[in-house]
Amino acid sequence: MSETAFIITVDTEGDDCVAAARDHTHNARFLPRFQSLCERYGFQPVYLANYEMAMCDAFVEFGRDVIARRAAEIGMHLHAWNSPPLLP
């Protein structure tokens, strides 16, 4: 039986990033739980981070761990409305 490959991408960005309450990244605390589920089933997700998450200490710590263990990949998913330089 041949294996079918697919990619699990996780759009990681601030909580409710399209609302006025930006700059909140509490959801980064739940990524290790999802990562554990992926590892249990042998999946290697790709986390697509926006600027907020790239600057979030919890996400950076999480990202360094999964990269060091080669358990996931991280890419960028930038948004013009919350990535510097912020201009009118």
PDB file of N, CA and C in Angstrom:
ATOM      1  N   MET A   1       0.843  -1.178   0.000  1.00  0.00           N
ATOM      2  CA  MET A   1       0.000   0.000   0.000  1.00  0.00           C
ATOM      3  C   MET A   1       0.886   1.238   0.000  1.00  0.00           C
ATOM      4  N   SER A   2       0.677   2.128  -0.930  1.00  0.00           N
ATOM      5  CA  SER A   2       1.488   3.342  -0.978  1.00  0.00           C
ATOM      6  C   SER A   2       0.936   4.390  -0.025  1.00  0.00           C
ATOM      7  N   GLU A   3       1.833   5.238   0.455  1.00  0.00           N
ATOM      8  CA  GLU A   3       1.428   6.306   1.361  1.00  0.00           C
ATOM      9  C   GLU A   3       1.042   7.546   0.570  1.00  0.00           C
ATOM     10  N   THR A   4       0.023   8.220   1.027  1.00  0.00           N
ATOM     11  CA  THR A   4      -0.390   9.477   0.425  1.00  0.00           C
ATOM     12  C   THR A   4       0.132  10.606   1.300  1.00  0.00           C
ATOM     13  N   ALA A   5       0.889  11.503   0.707  1.00  0.00           N
ATOM     14  CA  ALA A   5       1.464  12.613   1.464  1.00  0.00           C
ATOM     15  C   ALA A   5       0.524  13.816   1.425  1.00  0.00           C
ATOM     16  N   PHE A   6       0.435  14.494   2.532  1.00  0.00           N
ATOM     17  CA  PHE A   6      -0.274  15.763   2.579  1.00  0.00           C
ATOM     18  C   PHE A   6       0.376  16.636   3.631  1.00  0.00           C
ATOM     19  N   ILE A   7       0.077  17.918   3.596  1.00  0.00           N
ATOM     20  CA  ILE A   7       0.697  18.880   4.507  1.00  0.00           C
ATOM     21  C   ILE A   7      -0.375  19.444   5.422  1.00  0.00           C
ATOM     22  N   ILE A   8      -0.084  19.434   6.716  1.00  0.00           N
ATOM     23  CA  ILE A   8      -0.950  20.084   7.689  1.00  0.00           C
ATOM     24  C   ILE A   8      -0.363  21.461   7.946  1.00  0.00           C
ATOM     25  N   THR A   9      -1.092  22.499   7.572  1.00  0.00           N
ATOM     26  CA  THR A   9      -0.637  23.859   7.854  1.00  0.00           C
ATOM     27  C   THR A   9      -1.515  24.452   8.944  1.00  0.00           C
ATOM     28  N   VAL A  10      -0.881  25.188   9.841  1.00  0.00           N
ATOM     29  CA  VAL A  10      -1.582  25.817  10.955  1.00  0.00           C
ATOM     30  C   VAL A  10      -1.328  27.311  10.861  1.00  0.00           C
ATOM     31  N   ASP A  11      -2.369  28.078  10.578  1.00  0.00           N
ATOM     32  CA  ASP A  11      -2.272  29.528  10.480  1.00  0.00           C
ATOM     33  C   ASP A  11      -2.192  30.083  11.902  1.00  0.00           C
ATOM     34  N   THR A  12      -0.996  30.432  12.348  1.00  0.00           N
ATOM     35  CA  THR A  12      -0.803  30.908  13.719  1.00  0.00           C
ATOM     36  C   THR A  12      -0.684  32.418  13.709  1.00  0.00           C
ATOM     37  N   GLU A  13      -1.683  33.038  14.308  1.00  0.00           N
ATOM     38  CA  GLU A  13      -1.700  34.492  14.397  1.00  0.00           C
ATOM     39  C   GLU A  13      -2.376  34.886  15.698  1.00  0.00           C
ATOM     40  N   GLY A  14      -2.380  36.166  15.990  1.00  0.00           N
ATOM     41  CA  GLY A  14      -2.941  36.659  17.244  1.00  0.00           C
ATOM     42  C   GLY A  14      -4.401  36.294  17.419  1.00  0.00           C
ATOM     43  N   ASP A  15      -4.840  36.322  18.675  1.00  0.00           N
ATOM     44  CA  ASP A  15      -6.232  36.033  18.999  1.00  0.00           C
ATOM     45  C   ASP A  15      -7.133  37.051  18.314  1.00  0.00           C
ATOM     46  N   ASP A  16      -8.119  36.576  17.592  1.00  0.00           N
ATOM     47  CA  ASP A  16      -9.108  37.433  16.943  1.00  0.00           C
ATOM     48  C   ASP A  16      -8.422  38.582  16.204  1.00  0.00           C
ATOM     49  N   CYS A  17      -7.462  38.240  15.364  1.00  0.00           N
ATOM     50  CA  CYS A  17      -6.595  39.249  14.745  1.00  0.00           C
ATOM     51  C   CYS A  17      -7.315  40.201  13.804  1.00  0.00           C
ATOM     52  N   VAL A  18      -8.528  39.881  13.398  1.00  0.00           N
ATOM     53  CA  VAL A  18      -9.229  40.798  12.519  1.00  0.00           C
ATOM     54  C   VAL A  18     -10.091  41.798  13.290  1.00  0.00           C
ATOM     55  N   ALA A  19     -10.165  41.643  14.601  1.00  0.00           N
ATOM     56  CA  ALA A  19     -10.933  42.563  15.437  1.00  0.00           C
ATOM     57  C   ALA A  19     -10.009  43.651  15.985  1.00  0.00           C
ATOM     58  N   ALA A  20     -10.585  44.564  16.723  1.00  0.00           N
ATOM     59  CA  ALA A  20      -9.808  45.679  17.283  1.00  0.00           C
ATOM     60  C   ALA A  20      -8.825  45.216  18.354  1.00  0.00           C
ATOM     61  N   ALA A  21      -9.074  44.082  18.975  1.00  0.00           N
ATOM     62  CA  ALA A  21      -8.223  43.599  20.067  1.00  0.00           C
ATOM     63  C   ALA A  21      -7.030  42.824  19.517  1.00  0.00           C
ATOM     64  N   ARG A  22      -6.099  43.531  18.920  1.00  0.00           N
ATOM     65  CA  ARG A  22      -4.902  42.884  18.370  1.00  0.00           C
ATOM     66  C   ARG A  22      -3.816  42.810  19.432  1.00  0.00           C
ATOM     67  N   ASP A  23      -2.718  42.241  19.076  1.00  0.00           N
ATOM     68  CA  ASP A  23      -1.560  42.108  19.959  1.00  0.00           C
ATOM     69  C   ASP A  23      -1.811  41.176  21.128  1.00  0.00           C
ATOM     70  N   HIS A  24      -2.709  40.222  20.970  1.00  0.00           N
ATOM     71  CA  HIS A  24      -2.918  39.206  21.989  1.00  0.00           C
ATOM     72  C   HIS A  24      -2.578  37.856  21.381  1.00  0.00           C
ATOM     73  N   THR A  25      -1.709  37.153  22.034  1.00  0.00           N
ATOM     74  CA  THR A  25      -1.262  35.869  21.495  1.00  0.00           C
ATOM     75  C   THR A  25      -1.425  34.752  22.527  1.00  0.00           C
ATOM     76  N   HIS A  26      -2.506  34.822  23.283  1.00  0.00           N
ATOM     77  CA  HIS A  26      -2.757  33.790  24.298  1.00  0.00           C
ATOM     78  C   HIS A  26      -2.923  32.406  23.669  1.00  0.00           C
ATOM     79  N   ASN A  27      -3.383  32.368  22.441  1.00  0.00           N
ATOM     80  CA  ASN A  27      -3.600  31.074  21.783  1.00  0.00           C
ATOM     81  C   ASN A  27      -2.299  30.299  21.556  1.00  0.00           C
ATOM     82  N   ALA A  28      -1.160  30.955  21.635  1.00  0.00           N
ATOM     83  CA  ALA A  28       0.128  30.256  21.472  1.00  0.00           C
ATOM     84  C   ALA A  28       0.330  29.207  22.567  1.00  0.00           C
ATOM     85  N   ARG A  29      -0.312  29.400  23.697  1.00  0.00           N
ATOM     86  CA  ARG A  29      -0.164  28.439  24.810  1.00  0.00           C
ATOM     87  C   ARG A  29      -0.763  27.078  24.479  1.00  0.00           C
ATOM     88  N   PHE A  30      -1.643  27.012  23.488  1.00  0.00           N
ATOM     89  CA  PHE A  30      -2.311  25.755  23.155  1.00  0.00           C
ATOM     90  C   PHE A  30      -1.617  24.979  22.043  1.00  0.00           C
ATOM     91  N   LEU A  31      -0.601  25.562  21.441  1.00  0.00           N
ATOM     92  CA  LEU A  31       0.106  24.874  20.357  1.00  0.00           C
ATOM     93  C   LEU A  31       0.809  23.595  20.810  1.00  0.00           C
ATOM     94  N   PRO A  32       1.439  23.560  21.992  1.00  0.00           N
ATOM     95  CA  PRO A  32       2.057  22.294  22.412  1.00  0.00           C
ATOM     96  C   PRO A  32       1.063  21.137  22.495  1.00  0.00           C
ATOM     97  N   ARG A  33      -0.163  21.418  22.888  1.00  0.00           N
ATOM     98  CA  ARG A  33      -1.183  20.359  22.968  1.00  0.00           C
ATOM     99  C   ARG A  33      -1.497  19.821  21.575  1.00  0.00           C
ATOM    100  N   PHE A  34      -1.640  20.717  20.604  1.00  0.00           N
ATOM    101  CA  PHE A  34      -1.878  20.276  19.229  1.00  0.00           C
ATOM    102  C   PHE A  34      -0.663  19.526  18.680  1.00  0.00           C
ATOM    103  N   GLN A  35       0.522  20.027  18.986  1.00  0.00           N
ATOM    104  CA  GLN A  35       1.749  19.381  18.524  1.00  0.00           C
ATOM    105  C   GLN A  35       1.858  17.962  19.064  1.00  0.00           C
ATOM    106  N   SER A  36       1.495  17.770  20.318  1.00  0.00           N
ATOM    107  CA  SER A  36       1.517  16.417  20.905  1.00  0.00           C
ATOM    108  C   SER A  36       0.593  15.477  20.152  1.00  0.00           C
ATOM    109  N   LEU A  37      -0.580  15.972  19.786  1.00  0.00           N
ATOM    110  CA  LEU A  37      -1.522  15.159  19.013  1.00  0.00           C
ATOM    111  C   LEU A  37      -0.910  14.778  17.667  1.00  0.00           C
ATOM    112  N   CYS A  38      -0.295  15.747  16.994  1.00  0.00           N
ATOM    113  CA  CYS A  38       0.349  15.471  15.703  1.00  0.00           C
ATOM    114  C   CYS A  38       1.445  14.430  15.853  1.00  0.00           C
ATOM    115  N   GLU A  39       2.266  14.580  16.870  1.00  0.00           N
ATOM    116  CA  GLU A  39       3.367  13.629  17.064  1.00  0.00           C
ATOM    117  C   GLU A  39       2.848  12.238  17.395  1.00  0.00           C
ATOM    118  N   ARG A  40       1.757  12.152  18.124  1.00  0.00           N
ATOM    119  CA  ARG A  40       1.179  10.850  18.473  1.00  0.00           C
ATOM    120  C   ARG A  40       0.804  10.076  17.212  1.00  0.00           C
ATOM    121  N   TYR A  41       0.364  10.785  16.172  1.00  0.00           N
ATOM    122  CA  TYR A  41      -0.057  10.138  14.937  1.00  0.00           C
ATOM    123  C   TYR A  41       0.975  10.246  13.812  1.00  0.00           C
ATOM    124  N   GLY A  42       2.167  10.747  14.135  1.00  0.00           N
ATOM    125  CA  GLY A  42       3.245  10.779  13.162  1.00  0.00           C
ATOM    126  C   GLY A  42       3.156  11.888  12.125  1.00  0.00           C
ATOM    127  N   PHE A  43       2.448  12.972  12.458  1.00  0.00           N
ATOM    128  CA  PHE A  43       2.342  14.102  11.538  1.00  0.00           C
ATOM    129  C   PHE A  43       3.355  15.180  11.898  1.00  0.00           C
ATOM    130  N   GLN A  44       3.852  15.853  10.893  1.00  0.00           N
ATOM    131  CA  GLN A  44       4.786  16.957  11.088  1.00  0.00           C
ATOM    132  C   GLN A  44       4.144  18.218  10.510  1.00  0.00           C
ATOM    133  N   PRO A  45       3.477  19.026  11.363  1.00  0.00           N
ATOM    134  CA  PRO A  45       2.775  20.199  10.844  1.00  0.00           C
ATOM    135  C   PRO A  45       3.722  21.323  10.455  1.00  0.00           C
ATOM    136  N   VAL A  46       3.171  22.244   9.674  1.00  0.00           N
ATOM    137  CA  VAL A  46       3.874  23.465   9.287  1.00  0.00           C
ATOM    138  C   VAL A  46       3.085  24.623   9.897  1.00  0.00           C
ATOM    139  N   TYR A  47       3.717  25.353  10.813  1.00  0.00           N
ATOM    140  CA  TYR A  47       3.090  26.504  11.448  1.00  0.00           C
ATOM    141  C   TYR A  47       3.430  27.751  10.641  1.00  0.00           C
ATOM    142  N   LEU A  48       2.399  28.432  10.161  1.00  0.00           N
ATOM    143  CA  LEU A  48       2.584  29.651   9.378  1.00  0.00           C
ATOM    144  C   LEU A  48       2.306  30.830  10.301  1.00  0.00           C
ATOM    145  N   ALA A  49       3.356  31.528  10.699  1.00  0.00           N
ATOM    146  CA  ALA A  49       3.256  32.560  11.728  1.00  0.00           C
ATOM    147  C   ALA A  49       3.209  33.955  11.130  1.00  0.00           C
ATOM    148  N   ASN A  50       2.383  34.802  11.729  1.00  0.00           N
ATOM    149  CA  ASN A  50       2.394  36.208  11.347  1.00  0.00           C
ATOM    150  C   ASN A  50       3.366  36.950  12.280  1.00  0.00           C
ATOM    151  N   TYR A  51       3.493  38.242  12.091  1.00  0.00           N
ATOM    152  CA  TYR A  51       4.451  39.035  12.859  1.00  0.00           C
ATOM    153  C   TYR A  51       4.180  38.964  14.359  1.00  0.00           C
ATOM    154  N   GLU A  52       2.906  39.055  14.757  1.00  0.00           N
ATOM    155  CA  GLU A  52       2.572  38.993  16.191  1.00  0.00           C
ATOM    156  C   GLU A  52       3.119  37.724  16.829  1.00  0.00           C
ATOM    157  N   MET A  53       2.901  36.612  16.165  1.00  0.00           N
ATOM    158  CA  MET A  53       3.354  35.347  16.742  1.00  0.00           C
ATOM    159  C   MET A  53       4.869  35.225  16.711  1.00  0.00           C
ATOM    160  N   ALA A  54       5.490  35.745  15.676  1.00  0.00           N
ATOM    161  CA  ALA A  54       6.953  35.698  15.601  1.00  0.00           C
ATOM    162  C   ALA A  54       7.586  36.490  16.736  1.00  0.00           C
ATOM    163  N   MET A  55       6.860  37.475  17.266  1.00  0.00           N
ATOM    164  CA  MET A  55       7.359  38.293  18.373  1.00  0.00           C
ATOM    165  C   MET A  55       6.874  37.796  19.730  1.00  0.00           C
ATOM    166  N   CYS A  56       6.077  36.756  19.766  1.00  0.00           N
ATOM    167  CA  CYS A  56       5.493  36.215  20.998  1.00  0.00           C
ATOM    168  C   CYS A  56       6.477  35.255  21.662  1.00  0.00           C
ATOM    169  N   ASP A  57       6.838  35.530  22.911  1.00  0.00           N
ATOM    170  CA  ASP A  57       7.807  34.687  23.624  1.00  0.00           C
ATOM    171  C   ASP A  57       7.363  33.224  23.688  1.00  0.00           C
ATOM    172  N   ALA A  58       6.082  32.982  23.940  1.00  0.00           N
ATOM    173  CA  ALA A  58       5.593  31.602  24.032  1.00  0.00           C
ATOM    174  C   ALA A  58       5.736  30.879  22.699  1.00  0.00           C
ATOM    175  N   PHE A  59       5.442  31.575  21.596  1.00  0.00           N
ATOM    176  CA  PHE A  59       5.577  30.946  20.283  1.00  0.00           C
ATOM    177  C   PHE A  59       7.041  30.712  19.937  1.00  0.00           C
ATOM    178  N   VAL A  60       7.889  31.660  20.259  1.00  0.00           N
ATOM    179  CA  VAL A  60       9.321  31.508  19.977  1.00  0.00           C
ATOM    180  C   VAL A  60       9.878  30.297  20.728  1.00  0.00           C
ATOM    181  N   GLU A  61       9.522  30.163  21.991  1.00  0.00           N
ATOM    182  CA  GLU A  61       9.981  29.004  22.781  1.00  0.00           C
ATOM    183  C   GLU A  61       9.459  27.704  22.179  1.00  0.00           C
ATOM    184  N   PHE A  62       8.181  27.689  21.844  1.00  0.00           N
ATOM    185  CA  PHE A  62       7.579  26.517  21.210  1.00  0.00           C
ATOM    186  C   PHE A  62       8.278  26.201  19.884  1.00  0.00           C
ATOM    187  N   GLY A  63       8.465  27.228  19.070  1.00  0.00           N
ATOM    188  CA  GLY A  63       9.089  27.044  17.766  1.00  0.00           C
ATOM    189  C   GLY A  63      10.505  26.508  17.847  1.00  0.00           C
ATOM    190  N   ARG A  64      11.275  27.047  18.759  1.00  0.00           N
ATOM    191  CA  ARG A  64      12.654  26.553  18.925  1.00  0.00           C
ATOM    192  C   ARG A  64      12.675  25.084  19.302  1.00  0.00           C
ATOM    193  N   ASP A  65      11.734  24.683  20.148  1.00  0.00           N
ATOM    194  CA  ASP A  65      11.671  23.281  20.570  1.00  0.00           C
ATOM    195  C   ASP A  65      11.330  22.365  19.399  1.00  0.00           C
ATOM    196  N   VAL A  66      10.257  22.687  18.656  1.00  0.00           N
ATOM    197  CA  VAL A  66       9.853  21.780  17.581  1.00  0.00           C
ATOM    198  C   VAL A  66      10.870  21.746  16.445  1.00  0.00           C
ATOM    199  N   ILE A  67      11.529  22.866  16.197  1.00  0.00           N
ATOM    200  CA  ILE A  67      12.568  22.890  15.158  1.00  0.00           C
ATOM    201  C   ILE A  67      13.773  22.061  15.603  1.00  0.00           C
ATOM    202  N   ALA A  68      14.188  22.222  16.850  1.00  0.00           N
ATOM    203  CA  ALA A  68      15.338  21.457  17.362  1.00  0.00           C
ATOM    204  C   ALA A  68      15.079  19.954  17.306  1.00  0.00           C
ATOM    205  N   ARG A  69      13.839  19.563  17.537  1.00  0.00           N
ATOM    206  CA  ARG A  69      13.479  18.134  17.504  1.00  0.00           C
ATOM    207  C   ARG A  69      13.062  17.664  16.111  1.00  0.00           C
ATOM    208  N   ARG A  70      13.059  18.576  15.139  1.00  0.00           N
ATOM    209  CA  ARG A  70      12.620  18.261  13.781  1.00  0.00           C
ATOM    210  C   ARG A  70      11.216  17.660  13.762  1.00  0.00           C
ATOM    211  N   ALA A  71      10.350  18.224  14.626  1.00  0.00           N
ATOM    212  CA  ALA A  71       8.986  17.728  14.759  1.00  0.00           C
ATOM    213  C   ALA A  71       7.977  18.589  14.001  1.00  0.00           C
ATOM    214  N   ALA A  72       8.409  19.737  13.495  1.00  0.00           N
ATOM    215  CA  ALA A  72       7.531  20.642  12.749  1.00  0.00           C
ATOM    216  C   ALA A  72       8.384  21.607  11.946  1.00  0.00           C
ATOM    217  N   GLU A  73       7.715  22.345  11.085  1.00  0.00           N
ATOM    218  CA  GLU A  73       8.373  23.409  10.339  1.00  0.00           C
ATOM    219  C   GLU A  73       7.633  24.708  10.613  1.00  0.00           C
ATOM    220  N   ILE A  74       8.322  25.827  10.406  1.00  0.00           N
ATOM    221  CA  ILE A  74       7.713  27.136  10.618  1.00  0.00           C
ATOM    222  C   ILE A  74       7.961  27.996   9.390  1.00  0.00           C
ATOM    223  N   GLY A  75       6.904  28.617   8.929  1.00  0.00           N
ATOM    224  CA  GLY A  75       6.985  29.551   7.816  1.00  0.00           C
ATOM    225  C   GLY A  75       6.317  30.849   8.223  1.00  0.00           C
ATOM    226  N   MET A  76       6.341  31.808   7.331  1.00  0.00           N
ATOM    227  CA  MET A  76       5.731  33.113   7.621  1.00  0.00           C
ATOM    228  C   MET A  76       4.425  33.269   6.849  1.00  0.00           C
ATOM    229  N   HIS A  77       3.498  33.949   7.482  1.00  0.00           N
ATOM    230  CA  HIS A  77       2.211  34.299   6.899  1.00  0.00           C
ATOM    231  C   HIS A  77       1.942  35.730   7.342  1.00  0.00           C
ATOM    232  N   LEU A  78       2.489  36.675   6.612  1.00  0.00           N
ATOM    233  CA  LEU A  78       2.469  38.075   7.036  1.00  0.00           C
ATOM    234  C   LEU A  78       1.204  38.790   6.568  1.00  0.00           C
ATOM    235  N   HIS A  79       0.762  39.732   7.402  1.00  0.00           N
ATOM    236  CA  HIS A  79      -0.386  40.579   7.098  1.00  0.00           C
ATOM    237  C   HIS A  79       0.070  42.026   7.092  1.00  0.00           C
ATOM    238  N   ALA A  80      -0.370  42.792   6.119  1.00  0.00           N
ATOM    239  CA  ALA A  80       0.026  44.200   6.016  1.00  0.00           C
ATOM    240  C   ALA A  80      -0.475  45.032   7.191  1.00  0.00           C
ATOM    241  N   TRP A  81      -1.590  44.641   7.792  1.00  0.00           N
ATOM    242  CA  TRP A  81      -2.185  45.468   8.846  1.00  0.00           C
ATOM    243  C   TRP A  81      -1.526  45.312  10.207  1.00  0.00           C
ATOM    244  N   ASN A  82      -0.648  44.332  10.398  1.00  0.00           N
ATOM    245  CA  ASN A  82       0.028  44.236  11.695  1.00  0.00           C
ATOM    246  C   ASN A  82       1.495  43.814  11.579  1.00  0.00           C
ATOM    247  N   SER A  83       2.111  44.127  10.452  1.00  0.00           N
ATOM    248  CA  SER A  83       3.546  43.872  10.263  1.00  0.00           C
ATOM    249  C   SER A  83       4.238  45.208  10.018  1.00  0.00           C
ATOM    250  N   PRO A  84       5.317  45.478  10.724  1.00  0.00           N
ATOM    251  CA  PRO A  84       6.015  46.745  10.501  1.00  0.00           C
ATOM    252  C   PRO A  84       6.571  46.841   9.091  1.00  0.00           C
ATOM    253  N   PRO A  85       6.716  48.014   8.568  1.00  0.00           N
ATOM    254  CA  PRO A  85       6.359  49.288   9.202  1.00  0.00           C
ATOM    255  C   PRO A  85       4.854  49.545   9.074  1.00  0.00           C
ATOM    256  N   LEU A  86       4.265  50.004  10.171  1.00  0.00           N
ATOM    257  CA  LEU A  86       2.839  50.299  10.190  1.00  0.00           C
ATOM    258  C   LEU A  86       2.636  51.739   9.766  1.00  0.00           C
ATOM    259  N   LEU A  87       2.110  51.924   8.579  1.00  0.00           N
ATOM    260  CA  LEU A  87       1.879  53.252   8.022  1.00  0.00           C
ATOM    261  C   LEU A  87       0.418  53.410   7.649  1.00  0.00           C
ATOM    262  N   PRO A  88      -0.113  54.620   7.739  1.00  0.00           N
ATOM    263  CA  PRO A  88      -1.511  54.828   7.346  1.00  0.00           C
ATOM    264  C   PRO A  88      -1.712  54.582   5.845  1.00  0.00           C
TER     265      PRO A  88
END
